[in-house]
Amino acid sequence: MSEAEQANAPSNTKEPKIIKRYTNRKLYDTVESRYVTLDEIAAMIKEGTEVRIVDNRTKEDLTSVTLAQIIFEEEKKKNQMPLSVLREIIRHPGESISGFIQKEVSPRVASIREEAEQRLDKLLRREDGSPQEAPSEEAPAAAAAPAPQSAEGNAANLNPAELLKASQRAFEDFQRRIDERVKQVVENLTGNLPALGRDMQALSQRLEELEKKLDAVEKGDKKDPSAS
């Protein structure tokens, strides 16, 4: 079907809308005779319009490449992956993103989480005044163990977006545990404040009594002529 026939075709036609891509990367809608953006093409697809993007010079079908670019731009607005992760993905082109996350990212996240828990435990133990002992390997191991097993058990059924969401939920859970531990330490520290306040009040009363006795002694010395 020619461009003119496509433009005059009925609205219920299943022929895709042809969009040409020029060497300057501009996209031209041959039906509406105007330039369009990736966002506008995405809106067309969401409305149910079939589109086909072709190279204006070589007539090569660029639909898949363009749609992948649209998906990438949409995901970039939602979540920004670290540059180090993106570089590693590019260095392993034959590996799926899901496989890369399971193989490279998950173990690193578990290791970082375990190290952070150990450091936090040391810090809070020091602030709490408890004796500093060698960090127990059983507790961090028990806390970190479910994550790798869960990732291995469910990774096959998760896409990259779900894996990232799972990692975010794990981080939020870790942050919540930190907040609870800090709150517990603060409560332990502030629990002794009433007793400390009573001790300070008793000490203040004793100081007042001593001052009164000193004043009485000074007044007695002034009244006694033999003292001069």
Protein backbone atom coordinates (compact mmCIF):
# COMPACT_ATOMS: atom_id res chain seq x y z
CA MET A 1 0.00 0.00 0.00
CA SER A 2 1.37 3.40 -0.98
CA GLU A 3 1.57 6.34 1.41
CA ALA A 4 -1.34 8.05 -0.35
CA GLU A 5 -3.49 4.89 -0.16
CA GLN A 6 -2.56 4.48 3.50
CA ALA A 7 -3.60 8.05 4.25
CA ASN A 8 -7.00 7.53 2.54
CA ALA A 9 -7.58 4.05 3.97
CA PRO A 10 -10.57 3.54 6.33
CA SER A 11 -9.93 3.82 10.05
CA ASN A 12 -10.60 0.11 10.66
CA THR A 13 -7.69 -0.99 8.45
CA LYS A 14 -5.09 -3.24 10.02
CA GLU A 15 -2.27 -1.82 7.95
CA PRO A 16 0.33 -0.28 10.30
CA LYS A 17 1.03 3.41 10.23
CA ILE A 18 4.36 4.01 8.49
CA ILE A 19 6.80 6.29 10.29
CA LYS A 20 10.03 7.15 8.53
CA ARG A 21 13.27 7.68 10.38
CA TYR A 22 15.74 10.03 8.74
CA THR A 23 19.51 10.12 9.10
CA ASN A 24 19.18 13.01 11.55
CA ARG A 25 17.09 10.66 13.75
CA LYS A 26 13.90 12.62 13.16
CA LEU A 27 10.71 10.57 12.90
CA TYR A 28 8.11 11.46 10.25
CA ASP A 29 4.49 10.32 10.35
CA THR A 30 3.56 9.62 6.70
CA VAL A 31 -0.17 9.54 7.48
CA GLU A 32 -0.46 12.85 9.33
CA SER A 33 2.46 14.39 7.40
CA ARG A 34 4.30 15.69 10.42
CA TYR A 35 7.30 14.96 12.61
CA VAL A 36 6.63 12.99 15.78
CA THR A 37 8.55 12.17 18.94
CA LEU A 38 9.12 8.90 20.76
CA ASP A 39 6.56 9.95 23.37
CA GLU A 40 3.96 10.51 20.65
CA ILE A 41 4.69 7.10 19.13
CA ALA A 42 4.29 5.57 22.59
CA ALA A 43 0.92 7.34 22.91
CA MET A 44 -0.16 5.94 19.53
CA ILE A 45 0.71 2.41 20.63
CA LYS A 46 -1.15 2.84 23.93
CA GLU A 47 -4.21 3.92 21.93
CA GLY A 48 -4.01 0.70 19.92
CA THR A 49 -2.49 2.07 16.72
CA GLU A 50 -0.18 -0.28 14.82
CA VAL A 51 3.00 1.49 13.77
CA ARG A 52 5.95 0.49 11.65
CA ILE A 53 9.19 2.47 11.69
CA VAL A 54 11.41 2.21 8.62
CA ASP A 55 14.69 3.81 7.63
CA ASN A 56 13.96 6.43 4.97
CA ARG A 57 17.07 5.59 2.93
CA THR A 58 17.57 1.83 3.30
CA LYS A 59 13.91 0.91 4.01
CA GLU A 60 15.18 -1.24 6.90
CA ASP A 61 12.56 -2.09 9.50
CA LEU A 62 13.52 -0.25 12.71
CA THR A 63 10.33 -0.96 14.64
CA SER A 64 11.92 -3.26 17.22
CA VAL A 65 14.84 -0.92 17.83
CA THR A 66 12.57 2.10 18.20
CA LEU A 67 10.14 0.33 20.55
CA ALA A 68 13.06 -0.86 22.66
CA GLN A 69 14.27 2.74 22.84
CA ILE A 70 10.79 3.86 23.92
CA ILE A 71 10.72 1.21 26.66
CA PHE A 72 14.19 2.26 27.79
CA GLU A 73 13.15 5.91 28.01
CA GLU A 74 10.02 4.98 29.97
CA GLU A 75 11.98 2.84 32.44
CA LYS A 76 14.64 5.53 32.79
CA LYS A 77 11.99 7.91 34.10
CA LYS A 78 10.98 5.39 36.78
CA ASN A 79 14.21 3.81 38.00
CA GLN A 80 17.80 4.73 37.35
CA MET A 81 20.18 1.80 37.61
CA PRO A 82 23.72 2.54 38.83
CA LEU A 83 26.28 3.16 36.11
CA SER A 84 28.42 0.30 37.36
CA VAL A 85 25.52 -2.13 36.81
CA LEU A 86 24.84 -0.78 33.32
CA ARG A 87 28.52 -1.14 32.41
CA GLU A 88 28.56 -4.74 33.59
CA ILE A 89 25.44 -5.52 31.53
CA ILE A 90 27.11 -4.10 28.43
CA ARG A 91 30.24 -6.17 29.13
CA HIS A 92 28.12 -9.34 29.19
CA PRO A 93 25.95 -8.95 26.07
CA GLY A 94 25.12 -12.65 25.81
CA GLU A 95 23.59 -12.76 29.27
CA SER A 96 20.01 -11.78 30.09
CA ILE A 97 19.44 -8.94 32.52
CA SER A 98 17.66 -11.32 34.91
CA GLY A 99 20.57 -13.74 34.85
CA PHE A 100 23.05 -10.93 35.35
CA ILE A 101 21.16 -9.59 38.39
CA GLN A 102 20.96 -13.07 39.93
CA LYS A 103 24.63 -13.81 39.28
CA GLU A 104 26.34 -10.47 39.93
CA VAL A 105 24.04 -8.08 41.80
CA SER A 106 22.27 -10.28 44.37
CA PRO A 107 25.47 -11.67 46.00
CA ARG A 108 26.93 -8.16 46.25
CA VAL A 109 23.74 -6.81 47.85
CA ALA A 110 23.74 -9.67 50.38
CA SER A 111 27.42 -9.09 51.19
CA ILE A 112 26.95 -5.33 51.62
CA ARG A 113 23.89 -5.88 53.80
CA GLU A 114 25.73 -8.35 56.03
CA GLU A 115 28.71 -6.01 56.43
CA ALA A 116 26.41 -3.07 57.21
CA GLU A 117 24.58 -5.10 59.85
CA GLN A 118 27.87 -6.05 61.51
CA ARG A 119 29.08 -2.44 61.59
CA LEU A 120 25.73 -1.22 62.89
CA ASP A 121 25.77 -3.87 65.60
CA LYS A 122 29.25 -2.74 66.70
CA LEU A 123 28.24 0.92 66.73
CA LEU A 124 25.03 0.40 68.67
CA ARG A 125 26.75 -1.91 71.16
CA ARG A 126 29.35 0.80 71.76
CA GLU A 127 26.70 3.51 72.24
CA ASP A 128 24.71 1.24 74.54
CA GLY A 129 27.74 0.74 76.79
CA SER A 130 27.65 -3.02 76.37
CA PRO A 131 30.97 -4.89 76.22
CA GLN A 132 32.26 -5.12 72.70
CA GLU A 133 32.45 -8.72 71.68
CA ALA A 134 33.41 -10.33 68.44
CA PRO A 135 30.44 -10.03 66.07
CA SER A 136 28.40 -13.19 65.98
CA GLU A 137 28.45 -14.79 62.58
CA GLU A 138 25.28 -16.76 63.20
CA ALA A 139 22.90 -13.81 63.44
CA PRO A 140 24.04 -11.98 60.28
CA ALA A 141 24.22 -15.28 58.45
CA ALA A 142 20.69 -16.12 59.52
CA ALA A 143 19.48 -12.69 58.46
CA ALA A 144 21.23 -12.79 55.13
CA ALA A 145 20.58 -16.43 54.29
CA PRO A 146 16.89 -16.15 53.32
CA ALA A 147 17.57 -13.50 50.69
CA PRO A 148 19.85 -15.58 48.39
CA GLN A 149 17.62 -18.65 48.79
CA SER A 150 14.53 -16.63 47.97
CA ALA A 151 16.25 -15.04 44.99
CA GLU A 152 17.34 -18.43 43.66
CA GLY A 153 13.92 -19.94 44.19
CA ASN A 154 11.90 -17.17 42.54
CA ALA A 155 14.39 -15.61 40.12
CA ALA A 156 13.26 -17.75 37.23
CA ASN A 157 9.72 -16.32 37.51
CA LEU A 158 10.77 -12.69 37.93
CA ASN A 159 11.54 -10.17 35.24
CA PRO A 160 14.22 -7.47 35.75
CA ALA A 161 11.68 -4.89 36.97
CA GLU A 162 10.35 -7.31 39.60
CA LEU A 163 13.88 -8.20 40.68
CA LEU A 164 14.68 -4.52 41.18
CA LYS A 165 11.47 -4.06 43.16
CA ALA A 166 12.37 -7.06 45.32
CA SER A 167 15.80 -5.54 45.98
CA GLN A 168 14.14 -2.25 46.92
CA ARG A 169 11.79 -4.05 49.34
CA ALA A 170 14.77 -5.84 50.90
CA PHE A 171 16.54 -2.50 51.39
CA GLU A 172 13.42 -0.96 52.96
CA ASP A 173 13.15 -3.94 55.33
CA PHE A 174 16.82 -3.53 56.25
CA GLN A 175 16.26 0.19 56.89
CA ARG A 176 13.27 -0.62 59.10
CA ARG A 177 15.36 -3.04 61.14
CA ILE A 178 18.03 -0.37 61.59
CA ASP A 179 15.41 2.14 62.79
CA GLU A 180 14.02 -0.37 65.29
CA ARG A 181 17.50 -1.16 66.64
CA VAL A 182 18.38 2.52 67.02
CA LYS A 183 15.06 3.16 68.76
CA GLN A 184 15.76 0.31 71.16
CA VAL A 185 19.20 1.68 72.04
CA VAL A 186 17.82 5.19 72.56
CA GLU A 187 15.12 3.82 74.87
CA ASN A 188 17.75 1.95 76.87
CA LEU A 189 19.82 5.10 77.21
CA THR A 190 16.90 7.30 78.19
CA GLY A 191 15.43 4.71 80.56
CA ASN A 192 17.93 5.73 83.28
CA LEU A 193 17.12 9.45 83.06
CA PRO A 194 14.49 9.47 85.87
CA ALA A 195 16.92 7.88 88.35
CA LEU A 196 19.64 10.27 87.24
CA GLY A 197 17.27 13.19 87.76
CA ARG A 198 16.48 12.05 91.30
CA ASP A 199 20.19 11.78 92.10
CA MET A 200 20.79 15.30 90.78
CA GLN A 201 17.92 16.64 92.85
CA ALA A 202 19.26 15.02 96.04
CA LEU A 203 22.72 16.40 95.32
CA SER A 204 21.28 19.86 94.79
CA GLN A 205 19.47 19.70 98.14
CA ARG A 206 22.67 18.69 99.92
CA LEU A 207 24.49 21.63 98.34
CA GLU A 208 21.77 23.98 99.53
CA GLU A 209 22.07 22.60 103.08
CA LEU A 210 25.84 23.08 103.04
CA GLU A 211 25.44 26.66 101.83
CA LYS A 212 22.99 27.39 104.66
CA LYS A 213 25.40 25.95 107.22
CA LEU A 214 28.24 28.08 105.82
CA ASP A 215 26.07 31.19 106.00
CA ALA A 216 25.19 30.41 109.63
CA VAL A 217 28.87 29.93 110.51
CA GLU A 218 29.81 33.24 108.86
CA LYS A 219 27.05 35.10 110.72
CA GLY A 220 28.12 33.54 114.04
CA ASP A 221 31.73 34.64 113.47
CA LYS A 222 30.63 38.23 112.88
CA LYS A 223 28.61 38.33 116.13
CA ASP A 224 31.45 36.87 118.29
CA PRO A 225 33.82 39.76 119.31
CA SER A 226 36.51 37.40 120.42
CA ALA A 227 36.82 36.15 116.87
CA SER A 228 38.38 39.45 115.72
